[in-house]
Amino acid sequence: MNHRDIYARKRVPAEEAVTHIRSDNDVIVAMCASEPQGCMSQFHTVADRVENVRVFSCLTLKPYDFYMRPEMKGHFELASWFHAPGSRESLKKGLGLVTYVPNMLHRAASDRMHAHVPDIFFGTCTPPDKNGFVSLSLGLTYEKDVIERAKTVVLEVNPRLPRTLGDTQIHVSQVDYFVEHDQEVPELPAPNPSATDHAIGAYIADLVEDGSTIQLGIGGIPNAAALALKDKKDLGVHTEMFVDSMMELYEQGVITNLKKGFCPGKFVTTFAMGSRKLYDWLDDNVAVDFQRGRWVNDPAVVARNSRMVSVNTCISVDFTGQVASESIGVNQYSGTGGQSDTAQGAVAGTDGLGKSIIACYSTAKGGTLSTIVPTLPEGSAVTLHRSYVDHVVTEHGVARLRGRTVRERTHELINVAHPDFRAALTEQARKLGYI
């Protein structure tokens, strides 16, 4: 049977594809722009005949019925590797339909598969090419690893997805069912940086040398940092998430990838999300190499890059350097993501020139709270161990923590706290015996 016949035989509507979900199943879905929205919108329709179904996802883009409707309790549970607005809303309502999965991104899939082999995977792909291969397009963080282990594989075929290159190709014979679902690819508009973002971005840019390899996330601060890099030369990219600013810096000649000591000439990434312009630019682009998250985010792999600079954001930092980026006290807000992966890799750089940067605003809640704190709130998850913290940047400057004592760290951090809080922080530091 040729690949066209195989594909035709495996096509089913979304309503039929979701009937393969059984009670007690572990269902894993692709993340972000690769989210299978056609099928996920149908999950709740099988609730009357299933119980205890766990759906594992990362940054779920929509508030789907299966984890937002109270009557789904006992039938479905969203197990989130990284919370998004929908999962936070469900948690706030106390529906009992969402839980968090502690993880480091490069091990998220392998750790879960150690606990339980996935029953079904739902993802997205491009239409088959002339040789019968589809591209997993915008997401390879854990998707291909799960496809190779799942008992059943369902892929939504979206002709609007770009055909990306790297390890994204899968033959139609490796998939159990295809659901044709033509929709706009989810976009993530670049935020408009504030004056505070620009101030932080300028400090970050000062730490980036020509010829560095960078990792940037999404948000006002990373976007401002990218804008501040416009006068740099020969930057390279090894990043978990590929965003519009990287494309723009490449088009401006700032990013060339030519001075990378590892995988020169290539952007290395594991997933992408941004504008339609970005998706069109990524289509069949040989300059961008999509690889699995367990490799891209492995700290040992990150460390092989020359002058590696990892930029991440956080919620708060305590005097000893502990970084909380995912929870506010006991309340899980987001997730560890790749922060620990890339920060560890950067400071362990084999050339000894890597840098990890943790950035945050100096205040929160309209300026009423300091993000530099004596101790983290009770129950806070420590996203980045203090031993791995290198630079902490606020709009008031750069605190250099690597290798420094608690006394030195305390002074450095108070110096980048908001001026309105410095006197109180100094007094609290004295009471703790830190200064």
Protein backbone atom coordinates (compact mmCIF):
# COMPACT_ATOMS: atom_id res chain seq x y z
CA MET A 1 0.00 0.00 0.00
CA ASN A 2 1.44 3.39 -0.95
CA HIS A 3 1.57 6.31 1.48
CA ARG A 4 -1.44 8.06 -0.07
CA ASP A 5 -3.61 5.01 0.51
CA ILE A 6 -2.25 4.62 4.07
CA TYR A 7 -3.11 8.22 4.85
CA ALA A 8 -6.59 7.97 3.32
CA ARG A 9 -7.33 4.82 5.30
CA LYS A 10 -6.32 6.48 8.59
CA ARG A 11 -8.37 9.68 8.22
CA VAL A 12 -11.16 10.06 10.79
CA PRO A 13 -13.21 12.98 12.12
CA ALA A 14 -12.26 14.42 15.52
CA GLU A 15 -15.49 13.04 17.00
CA GLU A 16 -14.32 9.52 16.18
CA ALA A 17 -10.68 10.05 17.17
CA VAL A 18 -11.59 10.95 20.76
CA THR A 19 -13.64 7.76 21.18
CA HIS A 20 -10.33 5.92 21.54
CA ILE A 21 -9.89 7.51 24.99
CA ARG A 22 -10.57 4.94 27.69
CA SER A 23 -10.97 5.11 31.46
CA ASP A 24 -7.69 5.45 33.39
CA ASN A 25 -5.83 6.53 30.25
CA ASP A 26 -2.84 8.85 30.23
CA VAL A 27 -3.43 11.20 27.30
CA ILE A 28 -0.56 13.48 26.26
CA VAL A 29 -1.19 16.44 23.95
CA ALA A 30 1.25 18.61 22.01
CA MET A 31 2.03 22.04 23.42
CA CYS A 32 1.58 25.71 22.49
CA ALA A 33 1.20 26.38 18.75
CA SER A 34 1.17 22.60 18.17
CA GLU A 35 -1.88 22.12 20.37
CA PRO A 36 -4.50 19.82 18.74
CA GLN A 37 -7.40 22.17 19.31
CA GLY A 38 -9.91 20.31 17.15
CA CYS A 39 -9.60 17.12 19.17
CA MET A 40 -9.18 18.77 22.57
CA SER A 41 -12.44 20.63 21.99
CA GLN A 42 -14.11 17.21 21.74
CA PHE A 43 -12.59 15.49 24.80
CA HIS A 44 -15.55 16.35 27.05
CA THR A 45 -17.98 14.55 24.69
CA VAL A 46 -16.77 11.14 25.90
CA ALA A 47 -16.97 11.99 29.60
CA ASP A 48 -20.13 9.95 30.14
CA ARG A 49 -18.29 6.72 29.42
CA VAL A 50 -14.80 7.35 30.90
CA GLU A 51 -13.36 7.88 34.36
CA ASN A 52 -9.99 9.03 35.70
CA VAL A 53 -8.51 10.21 32.41
CA ARG A 54 -5.36 12.30 32.87
CA VAL A 55 -4.54 14.78 30.09
CA PHE A 56 -0.92 15.96 30.19
CA SER A 57 -0.22 19.31 28.59
CA CYS A 58 2.15 22.27 28.74
CA LEU A 59 0.87 25.85 28.43
CA THR A 60 -2.65 24.87 27.39
CA LEU A 61 -3.90 27.69 25.17
CA LYS A 62 -7.68 27.40 25.61
CA PRO A 63 -10.03 26.85 28.58
CA TYR A 64 -11.35 23.53 27.25
CA ASP A 65 -14.56 22.08 28.62
CA PHE A 66 -12.88 18.91 29.87
CA TYR A 67 -11.14 20.82 32.66
CA MET A 68 -13.40 23.86 33.05
CA ARG A 69 -16.83 22.30 33.58
CA PRO A 70 -17.55 21.07 37.15
CA GLU A 71 -19.34 17.95 35.90
CA MET A 72 -16.04 16.73 34.39
CA LYS A 73 -14.69 15.91 37.86
CA GLY A 74 -13.99 12.20 38.14
CA HIS A 75 -13.91 11.89 34.38
CA PHE A 76 -11.00 14.13 33.35
CA GLU A 77 -8.04 15.83 34.99
CA LEU A 78 -5.60 18.24 33.35
CA ALA A 79 -2.07 17.45 34.49
CA SER A 80 -0.11 20.56 33.57
CA TRP A 81 3.64 20.84 33.13
CA PHE A 82 3.26 24.65 32.95
CA HIS A 83 0.12 26.53 33.93
CA ALA A 84 -1.56 29.02 31.60
CA PRO A 85 -4.56 31.33 32.11
CA GLY A 86 -7.13 28.55 31.65
CA SER A 87 -5.59 26.14 34.14
CA ARG A 88 -5.04 28.97 36.65
CA GLU A 89 -8.71 29.94 36.32
CA SER A 90 -9.83 26.36 36.91
CA LEU A 91 -7.63 26.16 40.00
CA LYS A 92 -8.94 29.45 41.30
CA LYS A 93 -12.51 28.16 40.99
CA GLY A 94 -11.57 25.09 43.03
CA LEU A 95 -13.01 22.66 40.50
CA GLY A 96 -10.54 19.89 41.35
CA LEU A 97 -9.84 19.35 37.66
CA VAL A 98 -6.25 20.59 37.39
CA THR A 99 -3.00 19.45 38.97
CA TYR A 100 0.64 20.36 38.41
CA VAL A 101 3.47 18.04 37.37
CA PRO A 102 6.84 19.10 38.84
CA ASN A 103 9.47 18.85 36.13
CA MET A 104 12.46 20.25 34.34
CA LEU A 105 11.49 20.66 30.71
CA HIS A 106 14.18 18.46 29.17
CA ARG A 107 12.96 15.56 31.33
CA ALA A 108 9.21 16.24 31.38
CA ALA A 109 8.25 13.47 28.96
CA SER A 110 10.85 10.91 29.99
CA ASP A 111 9.99 11.30 33.68
CA ARG A 112 6.28 10.84 33.01
CA MET A 113 6.90 7.84 30.77
CA HIS A 114 8.97 6.37 33.60
CA ALA A 115 5.84 6.59 35.76
CA HIS A 116 3.34 5.47 33.11
CA VAL A 117 3.60 4.62 29.41
CA PRO A 118 1.28 7.05 27.56
CA ASP A 119 -1.89 5.52 26.18
CA ILE A 120 -2.73 8.14 23.56
CA PHE A 121 -0.92 11.07 22.02
CA PHE A 122 -2.77 13.89 20.26
CA GLY A 123 -0.68 16.36 18.23
CA THR A 124 -0.58 18.34 15.02
CA CYS A 125 1.31 18.10 11.75
CA THR A 126 1.54 19.33 8.18
CA PRO A 127 -0.06 17.40 5.29
CA PRO A 128 2.11 14.54 3.99
CA ASP A 129 4.79 15.41 1.45
CA LYS A 130 5.38 13.50 -1.79
CA ASN A 131 7.25 10.79 0.12
CA GLY A 132 4.60 10.31 2.81
CA PHE A 133 6.29 12.29 5.59
CA VAL A 134 4.53 14.84 7.76
CA SER A 135 6.34 17.52 9.76
CA LEU A 136 5.56 18.03 13.44
CA SER A 137 6.11 21.69 12.59
CA LEU A 138 6.29 24.01 15.59
CA GLY A 139 6.80 21.61 18.49
CA LEU A 140 9.41 18.98 19.27
CA THR A 141 9.82 19.54 23.01
CA TYR A 142 8.43 16.14 24.01
CA GLU A 143 6.13 15.32 21.11
CA LYS A 144 8.28 12.91 19.11
CA ASP A 145 9.51 11.06 22.19
CA VAL A 146 5.89 10.43 23.21
CA ILE A 147 4.84 9.43 19.69
CA GLU A 148 7.48 6.71 19.76
CA ARG A 149 6.11 5.29 23.03
CA ALA A 150 2.37 5.92 22.96
CA LYS A 151 0.03 3.02 22.28
CA THR A 152 -2.14 5.17 19.99
CA VAL A 153 -1.08 8.26 18.00
CA VAL A 154 -3.54 10.82 16.61
CA LEU A 155 -2.33 13.81 14.58
CA GLU A 156 -4.41 16.77 13.43
CA VAL A 157 -3.40 17.76 9.91
CA ASN A 158 -3.37 21.54 9.48
CA PRO A 159 -2.30 22.88 6.05
CA ARG A 160 -1.48 26.25 7.64
CA LEU A 161 1.38 24.85 9.70
CA PRO A 162 4.91 25.51 8.40
CA ARG A 163 7.02 22.53 7.35
CA THR A 164 10.01 22.87 9.67
CA LEU A 165 13.29 21.00 9.42
CA GLY A 166 15.41 18.98 11.80
CA ASP A 167 14.03 15.95 13.64
CA THR A 168 10.43 16.88 12.86
CA GLN A 169 9.63 14.30 10.17
CA ILE A 170 7.37 11.29 10.73
CA HIS A 171 6.08 8.86 8.11
CA VAL A 172 2.32 8.35 7.83
CA SER A 173 2.81 4.65 8.64
CA GLN A 174 3.88 5.62 12.21
CA VAL A 175 0.54 7.29 12.96
CA ASP A 176 -2.71 5.52 13.86
CA TYR A 177 -5.23 8.23 12.96
CA PHE A 178 -5.24 11.54 11.10
CA VAL A 179 -7.81 14.25 11.75
CA GLU A 180 -7.96 16.96 9.10
CA HIS A 181 -8.47 20.28 10.88
CA ASP A 182 -7.86 23.51 8.98
CA GLN A 183 -7.52 26.45 11.36
CA GLU A 184 -5.37 29.51 11.94
CA VAL A 185 -2.20 28.57 13.78
CA PRO A 186 -2.28 29.99 17.33
CA GLU A 187 -0.23 33.18 17.49
CA LEU A 188 1.52 34.99 20.31
CA PRO A 189 1.88 38.69 19.52
CA ALA A 190 5.12 40.26 20.66
CA PRO A 191 4.43 42.43 23.71
CA ASN A 192 5.09 46.16 23.62
CA PRO A 193 7.91 46.69 26.14
CA SER A 194 7.39 49.29 28.87
CA ALA A 195 9.98 51.84 29.98
CA THR A 196 10.87 49.46 32.83
CA ASP A 197 11.30 46.60 30.35
CA HIS A 198 13.65 48.76 28.28
CA ALA A 199 15.72 49.64 31.34
CA ILE A 200 16.11 45.96 32.24
CA GLY A 201 16.77 45.07 28.60
CA ALA A 202 19.62 47.57 28.42
CA TYR A 203 21.31 46.05 31.48
CA ILE A 204 20.93 42.58 29.96
CA ALA A 205 22.39 43.71 26.63
CA ASP A 206 25.46 45.09 28.44
CA LEU A 207 26.17 41.55 29.66
CA VAL A 208 26.02 40.06 26.15
CA GLU A 209 29.31 40.10 24.26
CA ASP A 210 29.71 39.94 20.50
CA GLY A 211 29.82 36.32 19.37
CA SER A 212 27.64 35.10 22.25
CA THR A 213 25.04 32.36 21.89
CA ILE A 214 21.72 33.43 23.40
CA GLN A 215 18.54 31.93 24.78
CA LEU A 216 15.58 34.27 25.22
CA GLY A 217 12.04 33.63 26.37
CA ILE A 218 8.86 35.53 25.64
CA GLY A 219 7.48 38.59 27.36
CA GLY A 220 8.18 42.26 27.78
CA ILE A 221 11.61 41.85 29.36
CA PRO A 222 13.07 39.34 26.83
CA ASN A 223 11.58 41.36 23.98
CA ALA A 224 13.18 44.54 25.31
CA ALA A 225 16.47 42.68 25.69
CA ALA A 226 16.28 41.63 22.04
CA LEU A 227 15.68 45.23 20.97
CA ALA A 228 18.70 46.32 23.00
CA LEU A 229 20.92 43.80 21.19
CA LYS A 230 20.62 45.57 17.83
CA ASP A 231 24.23 46.82 17.92
CA LYS A 232 25.77 43.44 18.74
CA LYS A 233 27.65 41.34 16.20
CA ASP A 234 27.65 37.66 15.23
CA LEU A 235 25.26 36.39 17.87
CA GLY A 236 24.07 32.80 17.75
CA VAL A 237 20.94 31.12 19.08
CA HIS A 238 20.46 27.90 21.06
CA THR A 239 17.03 28.27 22.62
CA GLU A 240 14.11 26.33 23.97
CA MET A 241 11.55 28.73 22.44
CA PHE A 242 11.93 30.45 19.06
CA VAL A 243 10.19 33.83 18.90
CA ASP A 244 9.79 36.75 16.49
CA SER A 245 12.64 38.77 17.96
CA MET A 246 15.15 36.12 16.87
CA MET A 247 13.92 36.26 13.29
CA GLU A 248 14.11 40.08 13.40
CA LEU A 249 17.68 40.10 14.76
CA TYR A 250 18.67 37.65 12.02
CA GLU A 251 17.17 39.88 9.35
CA GLN A 252 19.07 42.85 10.84
CA GLY A 253 22.36 40.93 10.63
CA VAL A 254 22.81 40.81 14.42
CA ILE A 255 22.31 37.05 14.61
CA THR A 256 24.45 35.13 12.12
CA ASN A 257 25.11 31.88 14.03
CA LEU A 258 28.56 31.87 12.40
CA LYS A 259 30.60 32.22 15.61
CA LYS A 260 28.84 29.43 17.47
CA GLY A 261 31.30 26.85 18.74
CA PHE A 262 28.54 24.23 18.64
CA CYS A 263 26.19 23.67 15.69
CA PRO A 264 27.56 26.71 13.80
CA GLY A 265 25.40 28.24 11.10
CA LYS A 266 22.16 27.01 12.65
CA PHE A 267 19.47 28.26 14.97
CA VAL A 268 18.85 25.40 17.40
CA THR A 269 15.40 25.26 19.00
CA THR A 270 12.75 22.86 20.26
CA PHE A 271 9.51 24.82 19.74
CA ALA A 272 8.32 28.08 18.24
CA MET A 273 5.44 30.43 18.82
CA GLY A 274 4.85 33.93 17.52
CA SER A 275 3.30 35.71 14.56
CA ARG A 276 2.10 34.47 11.20
CA LYS A 277 5.13 36.20 9.72
CA LEU A 278 7.36 34.03 11.88
CA TYR A 279 5.57 30.84 10.80
CA ASP A 280 5.97 31.75 7.13
CA TRP A 281 9.64 32.50 7.71
CA LEU A 282 10.18 29.13 9.41
CA ASP A 283 8.60 27.21 6.53
CA ASP A 284 11.27 25.06 4.85
CA ASN A 285 13.99 27.26 6.42
CA VAL A 286 17.27 25.33 6.49
CA ALA A 287 18.77 27.85 8.93
CA VAL A 288 16.51 26.62 11.75
CA ASP A 289 17.11 23.20 13.26
CA PHE A 290 14.26 21.83 15.41
CA GLN A 291 15.44 19.11 17.81
CA ARG A 292 13.95 17.26 20.77
CA GLY A 293 13.69 19.10 24.05
CA ARG A 294 15.50 16.37 25.95
CA TRP A 295 18.59 17.24 23.84
CA VAL A 296 18.21 20.99 23.24
CA ASN A 297 17.55 21.71 26.92
CA ASP A 298 19.96 19.18 28.39
CA PRO A 299 22.28 21.35 30.52
CA ALA A 300 25.27 19.37 29.24
CA VAL A 301 24.31 20.25 25.66
CA VAL A 302 23.61 23.91 26.50
CA ALA A 303 27.06 24.07 28.11
CA ARG A 304 28.75 23.19 24.81
CA ASN A 305 27.81 26.54 23.30
CA SER A 306 30.35 29.35 23.15
CA ARG A 307 29.70 32.36 25.40
CA MET A 308 26.26 30.99 26.24
CA VAL A 309 23.87 33.58 27.70
CA SER A 310 20.58 32.35 29.15
CA VAL A 311 17.91 34.96 29.92
CA ASN A 312 14.92 34.02 32.10
CA THR A 313 12.44 35.90 34.27
CA CYS A 314 11.18 35.28 37.78
CA ILE A 315 8.67 36.29 40.45
CA SER A 316 11.05 36.90 43.36
CA VAL A 317 14.58 36.33 44.68
CA ASP A 318 15.61 36.00 48.32
CA PHE A 319 18.78 37.31 49.95
CA THR A 320 20.59 33.99 49.55
CA GLY A 321 19.84 33.87 45.81
CA GLN A 322 16.99 31.39 45.74
CA VAL A 323 14.82 32.12 42.69
CA ALA A 324 11.05 31.58 42.66
CA SER A 325 9.71 31.76 39.11
CA GLU A 326 6.67 29.52 39.14
CA SER A 327 4.70 29.86 42.38
CA ILE A 328 3.52 32.56 44.74
CA GLY A 329 3.74 30.81 48.08
CA VAL A 330 1.85 27.54 47.76
CA ASN A 331 -0.06 28.72 44.69
CA GLN A 332 1.40 27.29 41.50
CA TYR A 333 1.32 30.07 38.91
CA SER A 334 3.24 28.72 35.91
CA GLY A 335 5.97 26.07 35.84
CA THR A 336 9.69 25.42 35.94
CA GLY A 337 9.84 25.21 32.17
CA GLY A 338 13.37 25.31 30.82
CA GLN A 339 14.72 27.89 33.26
CA SER A 340 16.69 25.44 35.38
CA ASP A 341 17.94 23.62 32.25
CA THR A 342 19.35 26.64 30.45
CA ALA A 343 20.59 28.48 33.53
CA GLN A 344 22.58 25.46 34.69
CA GLY A 345 23.95 24.89 31.20
CA ALA A 346 25.04 28.48 30.79
CA VAL A 347 27.02 28.70 34.04
CA ALA A 348 28.58 25.30 33.33
CA GLY A 349 29.73 26.41 29.87
CA THR A 350 32.75 24.41 28.75
CA ASP A 351 34.50 27.61 27.61
CA GLY A 352 34.01 29.17 31.05
CA LEU A 353 32.44 32.27 29.50
CA GLY A 354 28.74 31.49 29.88
CA LYS A 355 26.28 33.65 31.81
CA SER A 356 22.88 33.05 33.33
CA ILE A 357 20.64 36.08 33.74
CA ILE A 358 17.51 36.13 35.89
CA ALA A 359 15.45 39.26 35.31
CA CYS A 360 12.50 40.71 37.19
CA TYR A 361 10.80 43.98 37.98
CA SER A 362 11.90 45.35 41.35
CA THR A 363 8.29 45.56 42.57
CA ALA A 364 4.97 43.80 42.14
CA LYS A 365 1.30 44.61 42.77
CA GLY A 366 1.50 48.17 41.61
CA GLY A 367 4.70 48.91 43.47
CA THR A 368 3.42 47.75 46.86
CA LEU A 369 5.67 44.69 47.15
CA SER A 370 9.39 44.19 46.68
CA THR A 371 10.43 41.24 44.52
CA ILE A 372 13.77 41.17 46.34
CA VAL A 373 12.84 39.55 49.65
CA PRO A 374 14.65 38.37 52.80
CA THR A 375 13.09 34.90 52.51
CA LEU A 376 10.72 33.42 49.97
CA PRO A 377 7.06 33.18 51.06
CA GLU A 378 6.21 29.94 52.85
CA GLY A 379 5.50 27.15 50.39
CA SER A 380 7.25 28.79 47.43
CA ALA A 381 8.76 26.44 44.88
CA VAL A 382 12.46 27.16 44.33
CA THR A 383 12.79 27.13 40.55
CA LEU A 384 16.51 27.79 40.42
CA HIS A 385 18.79 26.64 43.22
CA ARG A 386 20.89 29.45 44.63
CA SER A 387 24.09 27.65 43.69
CA TYR A 388 23.23 28.14 40.01
CA VAL A 389 22.24 31.81 40.22
CA ASP A 390 24.65 34.08 38.38
CA HIS A 391 23.25 37.55 37.51
CA VAL A 392 19.99 39.05 38.79
CA VAL A 393 18.80 42.09 36.85
CA THR A 394 16.12 44.64 37.73
CA GLU A 395 15.51 48.10 36.31
CA HIS A 396 17.90 49.36 38.99
CA GLY A 397 20.95 47.39 37.95
CA VAL A 398 22.77 44.07 37.99
CA ALA A 399 23.44 41.92 41.06
CA ARG A 400 26.36 39.55 40.52
CA LEU A 401 25.92 36.50 42.73
CA ARG A 402 28.04 33.72 41.30
CA GLY A 403 30.57 32.51 43.86
CA ARG A 404 29.63 35.16 46.42
CA THR A 405 28.83 34.76 50.11
CA VAL A 406 25.36 35.28 51.55
CA ARG A 407 26.59 38.59 52.98
CA GLU A 408 27.85 39.72 49.57
CA ARG A 409 24.70 38.48 47.85
CA THR A 410 22.49 40.36 50.27
CA HIS A 411 24.31 43.63 49.57
CA GLU A 412 24.19 43.05 45.81
CA LEU A 413 20.46 42.30 45.81
CA ILE A 414 19.49 45.21 48.06
CA ASN A 415 21.37 47.49 45.66
CA VAL A 416 19.07 46.45 42.78
CA ALA A 417 15.88 46.50 44.86
CA HIS A 418 13.51 49.43 44.47
CA PRO A 419 14.81 52.43 46.46
CA ASP A 420 11.54 52.62 48.42
CA PHE A 421 12.27 49.21 49.98
CA ARG A 422 16.03 49.32 50.52
CA ALA A 423 15.98 50.66 54.08
CA ALA A 424 13.46 48.04 55.25
CA LEU A 425 15.34 45.28 53.44
CA THR A 426 18.59 46.36 55.07
CA GLU A 427 16.98 46.25 58.51
CA GLN A 428 15.55 42.78 57.82
CA ALA A 429 18.96 41.59 56.62
CA ARG A 430 20.50 42.73 59.91
CA LYS A 431 17.89 40.87 61.92
CA LEU A 432 18.67 37.71 59.95
CA GLY A 433 22.39 38.17 60.53
CA TYR A 434 23.09 38.41 56.82
CA ILE A 435 24.88 41.77 57.04
